[in-house]
Amino acid sequence: MSKLLENGTAALKSVRTGDTIMVGGFGLIGAPLTLIDALTEKDVKDLTIISNNLGEKGKGLGILLGQKKIKKGIGSYFTSNRDVGDAYRRGEIKLELLPQGTLSESIRAGGAGIGGYYTKTGVGTELAKNKEEREINGELYIFEPAIRANVALIRAWKADTLGNLVYYKTARNFNPVMATAADVVIAEVDKIVEPGELSPEEIVTPHLFVDGILLATKILTNEGVVTHG
């Protein structure tokens, strides 16, 4: 059965006020810019956004931040957008900072059905404050809970109509792991092909994880974000 969605409105029909949403990308690279654009037009608020960062000033998730639709951000590199720090100082947004590997592993744990894990990363720092500590083999670890979301908005290069996904180089980043850790997963892609046209060896995210696919109309180029289609 085809999972192709007609437009951004149809893609985001399951998003509600107060939802927790994972958004793929490292900066704007591998970010689902078409889906983010649709989210800026949807009447929702008080969102918790799980993403490496919150876009850039006036771009990607940075637009959503400017609309004051984000209640909380969970990520590892907020300083790529100075508006995030300004909003935090004004008390307009809550932030939870995680080391980048911890962010990725916590999402992976959420997708794997693991409740959490112990790590040495962050021990003895402010990031360990109020977290459970345990000594294992003579070394101190802190407990990190798994992370899941109501919805994941991800970016891939190619998909077949069933929802099998192929990624492009570093644009892959957080997208595959996020595809496993949300109740609803929507993928934005550059190309859509028929079942059987993708080699099983190149498929990274199987279609069972994907609820819908949308053809991208917002593309990141050397000149910036452009619209096509």
N, C-alpha and C. Protein backbone atom coordinates (compact mmCIF):
# COMPACT_ATOMS: atom_id res chain seq x y z
N MET A 1 0.84 -1.19 0.00
CA MET A 1 0.00 0.00 0.00
C MET A 1 0.88 1.25 0.00
N SER A 2 0.57 2.19 -0.86
CA SER A 2 1.37 3.41 -0.97
C SER A 2 1.24 4.27 0.27
N LYS A 3 2.35 4.81 0.73
CA LYS A 3 2.37 5.72 1.88
C LYS A 3 2.63 7.16 1.45
N LEU A 4 2.49 7.42 0.15
CA LEU A 4 2.75 8.76 -0.38
C LEU A 4 1.67 9.73 0.09
N LEU A 5 2.12 10.86 0.64
CA LEU A 5 1.21 11.89 1.14
C LEU A 5 1.13 13.05 0.15
N GLU A 6 -0.04 13.66 0.08
CA GLU A 6 -0.29 14.68 -0.94
C GLU A 6 0.42 15.99 -0.63
N ASN A 7 0.44 16.39 0.64
CA ASN A 7 1.01 17.69 1.00
C ASN A 7 1.39 17.70 2.48
N GLY A 8 1.96 18.83 2.91
CA GLY A 8 2.40 18.97 4.29
C GLY A 8 1.26 18.92 5.29
N THR A 9 0.10 19.42 4.91
CA THR A 9 -1.07 19.38 5.80
C THR A 9 -1.45 17.95 6.12
N ALA A 10 -1.49 17.12 5.09
CA ALA A 10 -1.81 15.70 5.29
C ALA A 10 -0.72 15.01 6.11
N ALA A 11 0.53 15.41 5.89
CA ALA A 11 1.65 14.78 6.59
C ALA A 11 1.61 15.03 8.08
N LEU A 12 1.10 16.19 8.48
CA LEU A 12 1.14 16.59 9.89
C LEU A 12 -0.21 16.47 10.59
N LYS A 13 -1.12 15.70 10.02
CA LYS A 13 -2.47 15.61 10.60
C LYS A 13 -2.47 15.04 12.02
N SER A 14 -1.45 14.25 12.36
CA SER A 14 -1.40 13.63 13.69
C SER A 14 -0.74 14.52 14.74
N VAL A 15 -0.15 15.65 14.34
CA VAL A 15 0.54 16.54 15.28
C VAL A 15 -0.47 17.36 16.07
N ARG A 16 -0.29 17.37 17.38
CA ARG A 16 -1.21 18.10 18.27
C ARG A 16 -0.42 19.05 19.18
N THR A 17 -1.10 20.06 19.70
CA THR A 17 -0.52 20.94 20.70
C THR A 17 -0.01 20.11 21.88
N GLY A 18 1.21 20.43 22.33
CA GLY A 18 1.80 19.73 23.47
C GLY A 18 2.58 18.48 23.10
N ASP A 19 2.63 18.14 21.82
CA ASP A 19 3.35 16.94 21.39
C ASP A 19 4.86 17.06 21.56
N THR A 20 5.50 15.91 21.66
CA THR A 20 6.96 15.82 21.59
C THR A 20 7.31 15.34 20.19
N ILE A 21 8.17 16.11 19.50
CA ILE A 21 8.46 15.84 18.09
C ILE A 21 9.96 15.73 17.89
N MET A 22 10.41 14.63 17.31
CA MET A 22 11.80 14.50 16.88
C MET A 22 11.94 15.07 15.48
N VAL A 23 13.02 15.81 15.26
CA VAL A 23 13.27 16.40 13.94
C VAL A 23 14.71 16.10 13.55
N GLY A 24 14.89 15.41 12.44
CA GLY A 24 16.22 15.04 11.99
C GLY A 24 17.02 16.23 11.50
N GLY A 25 18.33 15.99 11.31
CA GLY A 25 19.20 17.04 10.77
C GLY A 25 20.35 17.40 11.69
N PHE A 26 21.39 17.89 11.07
CA PHE A 26 22.55 18.42 11.78
C PHE A 26 22.71 19.85 11.24
N GLY A 27 22.20 20.82 12.01
CA GLY A 27 21.99 22.14 11.43
C GLY A 27 20.86 22.00 10.42
N LEU A 28 21.08 22.50 9.20
CA LEU A 28 20.09 22.34 8.14
C LEU A 28 20.36 21.12 7.28
N ILE A 29 21.53 20.48 7.45
CA ILE A 29 21.89 19.31 6.66
C ILE A 29 21.06 18.11 7.12
N GLY A 30 20.31 17.54 6.22
CA GLY A 30 19.47 16.41 6.56
C GLY A 30 18.23 16.78 7.34
N ALA A 31 17.90 18.05 7.39
CA ALA A 31 16.68 18.49 8.08
C ALA A 31 15.49 18.41 7.12
N PRO A 32 14.32 18.00 7.60
CA PRO A 32 13.12 17.91 6.75
C PRO A 32 12.47 19.29 6.58
N LEU A 33 13.06 20.11 5.75
CA LEU A 33 12.68 21.52 5.66
C LEU A 33 11.25 21.72 5.16
N THR A 34 10.77 20.83 4.30
CA THR A 34 9.39 20.94 3.81
C THR A 34 8.41 20.66 4.94
N LEU A 35 8.68 19.64 5.73
CA LEU A 35 7.82 19.31 6.86
C LEU A 35 7.87 20.39 7.94
N ILE A 36 9.07 20.93 8.17
CA ILE A 36 9.20 22.02 9.15
C ILE A 36 8.39 23.23 8.69
N ASP A 37 8.46 23.53 7.39
CA ASP A 37 7.69 24.65 6.84
C ASP A 37 6.19 24.44 7.07
N ALA A 38 5.73 23.20 6.85
CA ALA A 38 4.32 22.90 7.09
C ALA A 38 3.97 23.04 8.57
N LEU A 39 4.91 22.69 9.45
CA LEU A 39 4.67 22.79 10.89
C LEU A 39 4.55 24.26 11.32
N THR A 40 5.28 25.15 10.65
CA THR A 40 5.16 26.58 10.98
C THR A 40 3.78 27.12 10.62
N GLU A 41 3.09 26.45 9.70
CA GLU A 41 1.76 26.91 9.28
C GLU A 41 0.63 26.24 10.03
N LYS A 42 0.96 25.24 10.86
CA LYS A 42 -0.07 24.51 11.60
C LYS A 42 -0.34 25.19 12.94
N ASP A 43 -1.60 25.21 13.34
CA ASP A 43 -2.00 25.89 14.57
C ASP A 43 -1.75 24.96 15.77
N VAL A 44 -0.50 24.90 16.19
CA VAL A 44 -0.11 24.13 17.37
C VAL A 44 0.85 24.96 18.20
N LYS A 45 1.02 24.58 19.46
CA LYS A 45 1.95 25.29 20.34
C LYS A 45 2.40 24.34 21.44
N ASP A 46 3.26 24.86 22.33
CA ASP A 46 3.76 24.09 23.48
C ASP A 46 4.42 22.78 23.06
N LEU A 47 5.18 22.84 21.98
CA LEU A 47 5.85 21.64 21.46
C LEU A 47 7.18 21.42 22.17
N THR A 48 7.51 20.16 22.39
CA THR A 48 8.86 19.78 22.81
C THR A 48 9.57 19.24 21.58
N ILE A 49 10.66 19.88 21.19
CA ILE A 49 11.39 19.50 19.98
C ILE A 49 12.69 18.80 20.37
N ILE A 50 12.86 17.58 19.89
CA ILE A 50 14.10 16.83 20.09
C ILE A 50 14.87 16.87 18.78
N SER A 51 15.98 17.57 18.78
CA SER A 51 16.78 17.73 17.57
C SER A 51 18.19 18.13 17.98
N ASN A 52 19.15 17.84 17.14
CA ASN A 52 20.53 18.21 17.47
C ASN A 52 20.63 19.69 17.82
N ASN A 53 19.96 20.52 17.06
CA ASN A 53 19.89 21.95 17.36
C ASN A 53 18.54 22.48 16.90
N LEU A 54 18.29 23.74 17.12
CA LEU A 54 17.00 24.34 16.73
C LEU A 54 17.19 25.23 15.52
N GLY A 55 17.68 24.63 14.43
CA GLY A 55 17.84 25.34 13.18
C GLY A 55 18.85 26.47 13.24
N GLU A 56 18.68 27.42 12.36
CA GLU A 56 19.48 28.63 12.34
C GLU A 56 18.54 29.83 12.39
N LYS A 57 19.09 31.00 12.57
CA LYS A 57 18.27 32.20 12.70
C LYS A 57 17.37 32.38 11.46
N GLY A 58 16.07 32.28 11.66
CA GLY A 58 15.13 32.46 10.57
C GLY A 58 15.08 31.34 9.57
N LYS A 59 15.70 30.18 9.91
CA LYS A 59 15.71 29.06 8.97
C LYS A 59 15.37 27.77 9.71
N GLY A 60 14.68 26.87 9.03
CA GLY A 60 14.35 25.58 9.63
C GLY A 60 13.59 25.76 10.93
N LEU A 61 14.01 25.05 11.96
CA LEU A 61 13.34 25.15 13.26
C LEU A 61 13.46 26.53 13.88
N GLY A 62 14.39 27.33 13.38
CA GLY A 62 14.51 28.71 13.85
C GLY A 62 13.24 29.52 13.59
N ILE A 63 12.52 29.18 12.53
CA ILE A 63 11.25 29.86 12.25
C ILE A 63 10.22 29.49 13.30
N LEU A 64 10.16 28.21 13.63
CA LEU A 64 9.22 27.73 14.65
C LEU A 64 9.51 28.37 16.00
N LEU A 65 10.81 28.53 16.31
CA LEU A 65 11.21 29.19 17.54
C LEU A 65 10.71 30.63 17.57
N GLY A 66 10.87 31.33 16.45
CA GLY A 66 10.42 32.72 16.36
C GLY A 66 8.92 32.86 16.53
N GLN A 67 8.18 31.81 16.19
CA GLN A 67 6.72 31.83 16.36
C GLN A 67 6.31 31.50 17.79
N LYS A 68 7.28 31.17 18.63
CA LYS A 68 7.04 30.82 20.04
C LYS A 68 6.14 29.59 20.18
N LYS A 69 6.32 28.65 19.27
CA LYS A 69 5.57 27.40 19.34
C LYS A 69 6.32 26.32 20.11
N ILE A 70 7.60 26.56 20.41
CA ILE A 70 8.42 25.56 21.08
C ILE A 70 8.47 25.85 22.58
N LYS A 71 7.98 24.90 23.37
CA LYS A 71 8.01 25.04 24.83
C LYS A 71 9.36 24.59 25.39
N LYS A 72 9.92 23.51 24.79
CA LYS A 72 11.16 22.95 25.29
C LYS A 72 11.97 22.38 24.14
N GLY A 73 13.29 22.56 24.21
CA GLY A 73 14.19 21.96 23.24
C GLY A 73 15.11 20.96 23.93
N ILE A 74 15.27 19.79 23.34
CA ILE A 74 16.22 18.78 23.83
C ILE A 74 17.21 18.54 22.71
N GLY A 75 18.49 18.86 22.96
CA GLY A 75 19.48 18.74 21.90
C GLY A 75 20.89 18.91 22.42
N SER A 76 21.84 19.05 21.49
CA SER A 76 23.24 19.10 21.91
C SER A 76 24.01 20.32 21.39
N TYR A 77 23.40 21.12 20.49
CA TYR A 77 24.18 22.20 19.90
C TYR A 77 23.28 23.40 19.61
N PHE A 78 22.80 24.03 20.68
CA PHE A 78 21.86 25.13 20.52
C PHE A 78 22.51 26.43 20.07
N THR A 79 23.82 26.54 20.22
CA THR A 79 24.49 27.81 19.92
C THR A 79 24.61 28.09 18.43
N SER A 80 24.17 27.18 17.57
CA SER A 80 24.16 27.47 16.13
C SER A 80 23.09 28.51 15.80
N ASN A 81 22.20 28.77 16.73
CA ASN A 81 21.15 29.76 16.53
C ASN A 81 21.09 30.65 17.77
N ARG A 82 21.58 31.86 17.66
CA ARG A 82 21.64 32.76 18.83
C ARG A 82 20.27 33.10 19.37
N ASP A 83 19.24 32.97 18.53
CA ASP A 83 17.88 33.25 19.00
C ASP A 83 17.47 32.29 20.12
N VAL A 84 18.06 31.10 20.13
CA VAL A 84 17.72 30.12 21.17
C VAL A 84 18.17 30.64 22.54
N GLY A 85 19.41 31.11 22.62
CA GLY A 85 19.92 31.65 23.87
C GLY A 85 19.13 32.86 24.33
N ASP A 86 18.77 33.73 23.39
CA ASP A 86 17.99 34.91 23.73
C ASP A 86 16.63 34.52 24.29
N ALA A 87 15.98 33.54 23.64
CA ALA A 87 14.66 33.08 24.10
C ALA A 87 14.76 32.43 25.48
N TYR A 88 15.84 31.70 25.71
CA TYR A 88 16.05 31.06 27.01
C TYR A 88 16.22 32.09 28.11
N ARG A 89 17.01 33.11 27.85
CA ARG A 89 17.23 34.16 28.86
C ARG A 89 15.95 34.94 29.16
N ARG A 90 15.06 35.03 28.19
CA ARG A 90 13.77 35.71 28.41
C ARG A 90 12.75 34.80 29.08
N GLY A 91 13.11 33.54 29.29
CA GLY A 91 12.20 32.60 29.91
C GLY A 91 11.13 32.07 28.99
N GLU A 92 11.36 32.16 27.68
CA GLU A 92 10.35 31.75 26.70
C GLU A 92 10.47 30.28 26.32
N ILE A 93 11.59 29.65 26.67
CA ILE A 93 11.81 28.26 26.28
C ILE A 93 12.66 27.56 27.34
N LYS A 94 12.38 26.29 27.57
CA LYS A 94 13.21 25.45 28.42
C LYS A 94 14.17 24.67 27.53
N LEU A 95 15.37 24.42 28.04
CA LEU A 95 16.36 23.67 27.26
C LEU A 95 16.92 22.53 28.09
N GLU A 96 17.11 21.39 27.44
CA GLU A 96 17.80 20.25 28.05
C GLU A 96 18.98 19.91 27.15
N LEU A 97 20.18 20.14 27.68
CA LEU A 97 21.40 19.93 26.91
C LEU A 97 21.95 18.53 27.16
N LEU A 98 22.20 17.80 26.07
CA LEU A 98 22.78 16.47 26.16
C LEU A 98 24.01 16.40 25.28
N PRO A 99 25.08 15.71 25.71
CA PRO A 99 26.20 15.47 24.79
C PRO A 99 25.67 14.77 23.53
N GLN A 100 26.31 15.03 22.40
CA GLN A 100 25.77 14.56 21.13
C GLN A 100 25.63 13.03 21.08
N GLY A 101 26.63 12.32 21.58
CA GLY A 101 26.55 10.87 21.60
C GLY A 101 25.46 10.37 22.53
N THR A 102 25.27 11.07 23.65
CA THR A 102 24.22 10.72 24.60
C THR A 102 22.85 10.92 23.97
N LEU A 103 22.69 12.02 23.24
CA LEU A 103 21.43 12.28 22.54
C LEU A 103 21.10 11.14 21.58
N SER A 104 22.08 10.76 20.78
CA SER A 104 21.88 9.70 19.80
C SER A 104 21.58 8.36 20.47
N GLU A 105 22.33 8.02 21.50
CA GLU A 105 22.15 6.74 22.18
C GLU A 105 20.82 6.70 22.93
N SER A 106 20.39 7.82 23.49
CA SER A 106 19.11 7.85 24.20
C SER A 106 17.95 7.63 23.23
N ILE A 107 18.06 8.19 22.02
CA ILE A 107 17.04 7.96 21.01
C ILE A 107 17.07 6.50 20.55
N ARG A 108 18.29 5.97 20.35
CA ARG A 108 18.42 4.57 19.93
C ARG A 108 17.80 3.65 20.98
N ALA A 109 18.04 3.96 22.26
CA ALA A 109 17.47 3.15 23.34
C ALA A 109 15.94 3.20 23.30
N GLY A 110 15.41 4.38 23.03
CA GLY A 110 13.96 4.52 22.93
C GLY A 110 13.38 3.66 21.81
N GLY A 111 14.11 3.58 20.71
CA GLY A 111 13.65 2.78 19.58
C GLY A 111 13.83 1.29 19.81
N ALA A 112 14.75 0.92 20.67
CA ALA A 112 15.06 -0.49 20.91
C ALA A 112 14.28 -1.06 22.08
N GLY A 113 13.45 -0.25 22.73
CA GLY A 113 12.68 -0.74 23.87
C GLY A 113 13.47 -0.85 25.14
N ILE A 114 14.59 -0.10 25.22
CA ILE A 114 15.44 -0.10 26.41
C ILE A 114 15.06 1.11 27.26
N GLY A 115 14.89 0.89 28.56
CA GLY A 115 14.43 1.98 29.43
C GLY A 115 15.46 3.07 29.65
N GLY A 116 16.74 2.73 29.54
CA GLY A 116 17.82 3.69 29.74
C GLY A 116 19.14 2.94 29.82
N TYR A 117 20.20 3.66 30.15
CA TYR A 117 21.54 3.05 30.16
C TYR A 117 22.46 3.90 31.02
N TYR A 118 23.61 3.33 31.38
CA TYR A 118 24.62 4.05 32.15
C TYR A 118 25.77 4.46 31.23
N THR A 119 26.27 5.67 31.44
CA THR A 119 27.37 6.18 30.64
C THR A 119 28.32 7.00 31.51
N LYS A 120 29.58 7.04 31.11
CA LYS A 120 30.57 7.87 31.82
C LYS A 120 30.55 9.32 31.32
N THR A 121 29.95 9.53 30.17
CA THR A 121 29.94 10.88 29.59
C THR A 121 29.14 11.84 30.47
N GLY A 122 29.76 12.92 30.87
CA GLY A 122 29.10 13.92 31.71
C GLY A 122 29.34 13.77 33.19
N VAL A 123 29.96 12.66 33.61
CA VAL A 123 30.23 12.45 35.03
C VAL A 123 31.10 13.60 35.58
N GLY A 124 30.71 14.16 36.71
CA GLY A 124 31.48 15.23 37.33
C GLY A 124 31.23 16.61 36.75
N THR A 125 30.26 16.73 35.86
CA THR A 125 29.94 18.02 35.26
C THR A 125 28.53 18.46 35.65
N GLU A 126 28.16 19.66 35.23
CA GLU A 126 26.81 20.15 35.49
C GLU A 126 25.75 19.26 34.82
N LEU A 127 26.13 18.58 33.75
CA LEU A 127 25.18 17.73 33.03
C LEU A 127 24.77 16.52 33.87
N ALA A 128 25.56 16.19 34.90
CA ALA A 128 25.25 15.04 35.75
C ALA A 128 24.38 15.41 36.95
N LYS A 129 24.09 16.68 37.12
CA LYS A 129 23.34 17.15 38.28
C LYS A 129 21.96 16.50 38.34
N ASN A 130 21.64 15.97 39.51
CA ASN A 130 20.34 15.34 39.78
C ASN A 130 20.12 14.04 39.02
N LYS A 131 21.18 13.46 38.47
CA LYS A 131 21.05 12.18 37.78
C LYS A 131 21.60 11.06 38.66
N GLU A 132 21.00 9.89 38.52
CA GLU A 132 21.43 8.73 39.30
C GLU A 132 22.87 8.37 38.94
N GLU A 133 23.69 8.10 39.96
CA GLU A 133 25.07 7.68 39.75
C GLU A 133 25.25 6.24 40.23
N ARG A 134 26.13 5.52 39.55
CA ARG A 134 26.41 4.14 39.96
C ARG A 134 27.87 3.81 39.64
N GLU A 135 28.52 3.14 40.59
CA GLU A 135 29.88 2.70 40.35
C GLU A 135 29.86 1.30 39.72
N ILE A 136 30.52 1.17 38.58
CA ILE A 136 30.60 -0.11 37.87
C ILE A 136 32.06 -0.41 37.58
N ASN A 137 32.54 -1.52 38.09
CA ASN A 137 33.95 -1.90 37.89
C ASN A 137 34.91 -0.79 38.30
N GLY A 138 34.57 -0.14 39.39
CA GLY A 138 35.44 0.89 39.93
C GLY A 138 35.35 2.24 39.26
N GLU A 139 34.44 2.40 38.30
CA GLU A 139 34.28 3.69 37.62
C GLU A 139 32.87 4.20 37.80
N LEU A 140 32.75 5.53 37.85
CA LEU A 140 31.46 6.16 38.10
C LEU A 140 30.71 6.39 36.78
N TYR A 141 29.44 6.05 36.78
CA TYR A 141 28.58 6.24 35.62
C TYR A 141 27.34 7.02 36.04
N ILE A 142 26.67 7.64 35.07
CA ILE A 142 25.38 8.27 35.32
C ILE A 142 24.33 7.60 34.44
N PHE A 143 23.11 7.60 34.95
CA PHE A 143 22.00 6.97 34.22
C PHE A 143 21.34 7.98 33.29
N GLU A 144 21.12 7.57 32.04
CA GLU A 144 20.40 8.39 31.07
C GLU A 144 19.16 7.62 30.61
N PRO A 145 17.98 8.22 30.74
CA PRO A 145 16.77 7.54 30.29
C PRO A 145 16.65 7.55 28.78
N ALA A 146 15.92 6.58 28.25
CA ALA A 146 15.64 6.54 26.82
C ALA A 146 14.74 7.71 26.43
N ILE A 147 14.76 8.06 25.16
CA ILE A 147 13.95 9.15 24.64
C ILE A 147 13.04 8.62 23.52
N ARG A 148 11.76 8.97 23.59
CA ARG A 148 10.82 8.68 22.52
C ARG A 148 9.99 9.93 22.24
N ALA A 149 9.25 9.91 21.14
CA ALA A 149 8.45 11.06 20.75
C ALA A 149 7.09 10.61 20.22
N ASN A 150 6.16 11.55 20.20
CA ASN A 150 4.87 11.27 19.56
C ASN A 150 5.03 11.16 18.06
N VAL A 151 5.84 12.06 17.49
CA VAL A 151 6.02 12.13 16.03
C VAL A 151 7.49 12.36 15.71
N ALA A 152 7.99 11.72 14.66
CA ALA A 152 9.33 12.01 14.14
C ALA A 152 9.19 12.52 12.71
N LEU A 153 9.83 13.64 12.45
CA LEU A 153 9.90 14.21 11.10
C LEU A 153 11.33 14.05 10.62
N ILE A 154 11.52 13.23 9.59
CA ILE A 154 12.88 12.89 9.17
C ILE A 154 13.07 13.18 7.68
N ARG A 155 14.35 13.11 7.25
CA ARG A 155 14.72 13.43 5.87
C ARG A 155 15.53 12.28 5.30
N ALA A 156 15.14 11.81 4.11
CA ALA A 156 15.90 10.78 3.42
C ALA A 156 16.11 11.22 1.97
N TRP A 157 16.91 10.47 1.26
CA TRP A 157 17.19 10.79 -0.14
C TRP A 157 16.15 10.16 -1.07
N LYS A 158 15.98 8.85 -0.93
CA LYS A 158 15.03 8.13 -1.79
C LYS A 158 14.12 7.25 -0.94
N ALA A 159 12.93 7.03 -1.47
CA ALA A 159 11.99 6.11 -0.84
C ALA A 159 11.23 5.39 -1.93
N ASP A 160 10.80 4.17 -1.66
CA ASP A 160 9.79 3.59 -2.54
C ASP A 160 8.43 3.88 -1.92
N THR A 161 7.38 3.58 -2.65
CA THR A 161 6.04 3.97 -2.19
C THR A 161 5.60 3.21 -0.95
N LEU A 162 6.31 2.12 -0.62
CA LEU A 162 6.02 1.39 0.61
C LEU A 162 6.59 2.09 1.84
N GLY A 163 7.63 2.94 1.62
CA GLY A 163 8.25 3.66 2.73
C GLY A 163 9.64 3.21 3.09
N ASN A 164 10.25 2.31 2.31
CA ASN A 164 11.66 1.97 2.53
C ASN A 164 12.53 3.17 2.21
N LEU A 165 13.54 3.45 3.05
CA LEU A 165 14.30 4.70 2.92
C LEU A 165 15.79 4.47 2.68
N VAL A 166 16.34 5.32 1.81
CA VAL A 166 17.78 5.38 1.54
C VAL A 166 18.24 6.80 1.85
N TYR A 167 19.39 6.94 2.50
CA TYR A 167 19.90 8.26 2.89
C TYR A 167 21.10 8.66 2.03
N TYR A 168 21.42 9.96 2.08
CA TYR A 168 22.52 10.48 1.26
C TYR A 168 23.64 11.00 2.14
N LYS A 169 24.73 10.25 2.19
CA LYS A 169 25.96 10.68 2.86
C LYS A 169 25.67 11.23 4.25
N THR A 170 26.27 12.39 4.60
CA THR A 170 26.14 12.91 5.97
C THR A 170 24.75 13.46 6.28
N ALA A 171 23.91 13.61 5.27
CA ALA A 171 22.53 14.03 5.52
C ALA A 171 21.76 12.95 6.26
N ARG A 172 22.38 11.78 6.36
CA ARG A 172 21.77 10.68 7.12
C ARG A 172 21.67 11.04 8.60
N ASN A 173 22.73 11.48 9.21
CA ASN A 173 22.88 11.84 10.63
C ASN A 173 21.86 11.18 11.57
N PHE A 174 21.01 11.97 12.23
CA PHE A 174 20.11 11.43 13.25
C PHE A 174 18.85 10.77 12.68
N ASN A 175 18.62 10.90 11.39
CA ASN A 175 17.35 10.47 10.82
C ASN A 175 17.01 8.99 11.01
N PRO A 176 17.93 8.04 10.71
CA PRO A 176 17.56 6.63 10.86
C PRO A 176 17.20 6.24 12.29
N VAL A 177 17.94 6.75 13.26
CA VAL A 177 17.65 6.37 14.65
C VAL A 177 16.34 6.98 15.12
N MET A 178 16.03 8.18 14.67
CA MET A 178 14.75 8.80 15.04
C MET A 178 13.57 8.04 14.45
N ALA A 179 13.79 7.42 13.30
CA ALA A 179 12.71 6.66 12.65
C ALA A 179 12.24 5.49 13.49
N THR A 180 13.05 5.08 14.46
CA THR A 180 12.69 3.92 15.29
C THR A 180 12.04 4.32 16.61
N ALA A 181 12.02 5.60 16.92
CA ALA A 181 11.71 6.01 18.30
C ALA A 181 10.52 6.96 18.43
N ALA A 182 9.56 6.84 17.53
CA ALA A 182 8.37 7.69 17.62
C ALA A 182 7.12 6.88 17.26
N ASP A 183 6.00 7.33 17.76
CA ASP A 183 4.73 6.65 17.47
C ASP A 183 4.33 6.80 16.00
N VAL A 184 4.60 7.97 15.44
CA VAL A 184 4.29 8.25 14.03
C VAL A 184 5.55 8.80 13.37
N VAL A 185 5.92 8.26 12.22
CA VAL A 185 7.13 8.67 11.52
C VAL A 185 6.78 9.11 10.11
N ILE A 186 7.12 10.36 9.79
CA ILE A 186 6.88 10.93 8.47
C ILE A 186 8.23 11.28 7.85
N ALA A 187 8.48 10.78 6.65
CA ALA A 187 9.76 11.01 5.96
C ALA A 187 9.57 11.90 4.76
N GLU A 188 10.41 12.91 4.68
CA GLU A 188 10.48 13.80 3.51
C GLU A 188 11.63 13.32 2.64
N VAL A 189 11.39 13.18 1.34
CA VAL A 189 12.41 12.59 0.46
C VAL A 189 12.55 13.37 -0.84
N ASP A 190 13.71 13.20 -1.49
CA ASP A 190 13.95 13.84 -2.79
C ASP A 190 13.36 13.06 -3.95
N LYS A 191 13.38 11.74 -3.85
CA LYS A 191 12.94 10.89 -4.95
C LYS A 191 12.05 9.78 -4.43
N ILE A 192 11.03 9.44 -5.22
CA ILE A 192 10.13 8.34 -4.87
C ILE A 192 10.09 7.36 -6.04
N VAL A 193 10.32 6.09 -5.76
CA VAL A 193 10.34 5.06 -6.80
C VAL A 193 9.34 3.97 -6.45
N GLU A 194 9.17 3.03 -7.36
CA GLU A 194 8.25 1.93 -7.13
C GLU A 194 8.92 0.82 -6.33
N PRO A 195 8.14 0.01 -5.63
CA PRO A 195 8.71 -1.14 -4.90
C PRO A 195 9.53 -2.03 -5.83
N GLY A 196 10.68 -2.45 -5.35
CA GLY A 196 11.57 -3.30 -6.14
C GLY A 196 12.67 -2.54 -6.84
N GLU A 197 12.55 -1.20 -6.92
CA GLU A 197 13.58 -0.40 -7.57
C GLU A 197 14.75 -0.06 -6.65
N LEU A 198 14.57 -0.21 -5.35
CA LEU A 198 15.67 0.00 -4.41
C LEU A 198 16.33 -1.35 -4.11
N SER A 199 17.65 -1.34 -4.09
CA SER A 199 18.37 -2.54 -3.70
C SER A 199 18.19 -2.78 -2.21
N PRO A 200 17.92 -4.01 -1.80
CA PRO A 200 17.81 -4.29 -0.36
C PRO A 200 19.08 -3.89 0.40
N GLU A 201 20.22 -3.90 -0.27
CA GLU A 201 21.49 -3.57 0.38
C GLU A 201 21.61 -2.09 0.70
N GLU A 202 20.86 -1.23 0.01
CA GLU A 202 20.97 0.21 0.26
C GLU A 202 19.88 0.74 1.18
N ILE A 203 18.87 -0.07 1.47
CA ILE A 203 17.79 0.37 2.36
C ILE A 203 18.31 0.40 3.80
N VAL A 204 18.17 1.55 4.45
CA VAL A 204 18.61 1.71 5.84
C VAL A 204 17.42 1.61 6.79
N THR A 205 16.35 2.31 6.47
CA THR A 205 15.14 2.27 7.29
C THR A 205 14.07 1.45 6.58
N PRO A 206 13.69 0.29 7.12
CA PRO A 206 12.64 -0.51 6.51
C PRO A 206 11.27 0.17 6.61
N HIS A 207 10.40 -0.16 5.68
CA HIS A 207 9.11 0.51 5.58
C HIS A 207 8.23 0.33 6.81
N LEU A 208 8.47 -0.70 7.62
CA LEU A 208 7.65 -0.93 8.80
C LEU A 208 7.75 0.21 9.81
N PHE A 209 8.84 0.98 9.76
CA PHE A 209 9.01 2.10 10.68
C PHE A 209 8.32 3.38 10.19
N VAL A 210 7.94 3.42 8.92
CA VAL A 210 7.52 4.68 8.28
C VAL A 210 6.01 4.69 8.03
N ASP A 211 5.37 5.76 8.49
CA ASP A 211 3.92 5.89 8.33
C ASP A 211 3.52 6.70 7.10
N GLY A 212 4.39 7.58 6.64
CA GLY A 212 4.06 8.40 5.48
C GLY A 212 5.30 8.98 4.85
N ILE A 213 5.24 9.25 3.54
CA ILE A 213 6.35 9.89 2.83
C ILE A 213 5.83 11.09 2.05
N LEU A 214 6.64 12.13 2.02
CA LEU A 214 6.29 13.38 1.34
C LEU A 214 7.43 13.80 0.45
N LEU A 215 7.12 14.15 -0.78
CA LEU A 215 8.14 14.63 -1.70
C LEU A 215 8.58 16.04 -1.29
N ALA A 216 9.88 16.24 -1.17
CA ALA A 216 10.42 17.52 -0.70
C ALA A 216 10.20 18.63 -1.72
N THR A 217 9.83 19.80 -1.23
CA THR A 217 9.76 21.00 -2.06
C THR A 217 10.70 22.09 -1.56
N LYS A 218 11.25 21.91 -0.36
CA LYS A 218 12.25 22.83 0.19
C LYS A 218 13.60 22.12 0.16
N ILE A 219 14.56 22.67 -0.57
CA ILE A 219 15.84 22.02 -0.76
C ILE A 219 16.97 22.95 -0.30
N LEU A 220 17.95 22.38 0.43
CA LEU A 220 19.12 23.14 0.86
C LEU A 220 20.18 23.08 -0.24
N THR A 221 20.59 24.24 -0.74
CA THR A 221 21.63 24.34 -1.77
C THR A 221 22.75 25.23 -1.28
N ASN A 222 23.78 25.40 -2.08
CA ASN A 222 24.88 26.30 -1.72
C ASN A 222 24.42 27.75 -1.61
N GLU A 223 23.30 28.05 -2.24
CA GLU A 223 22.75 29.42 -2.19
C GLU A 223 21.75 29.59 -1.05
N GLY A 224 21.49 28.53 -0.32
CA GLY A 224 20.52 28.60 0.76
C GLY A 224 19.34 27.67 0.51
N VAL A 225 18.23 27.91 1.21
CA VAL A 225 17.04 27.09 1.06
C VAL A 225 16.23 27.61 -0.12
N VAL A 226 15.93 26.72 -1.07
CA VAL A 226 15.14 27.10 -2.23
C VAL A 226 13.91 26.22 -2.32
N THR A 227 12.87 26.75 -3.00
CA THR A 227 11.61 26.02 -3.17
C THR A 227 11.51 25.56 -4.62
N HIS A 228 11.08 24.33 -4.81
CA HIS A 228 10.84 23.84 -6.15
C HIS A 228 9.63 22.94 -6.14
N GLY A 229 9.09 22.67 -7.31
CA GLY A 229 7.94 21.77 -7.42
C GLY A 229 6.62 22.47 -7.12
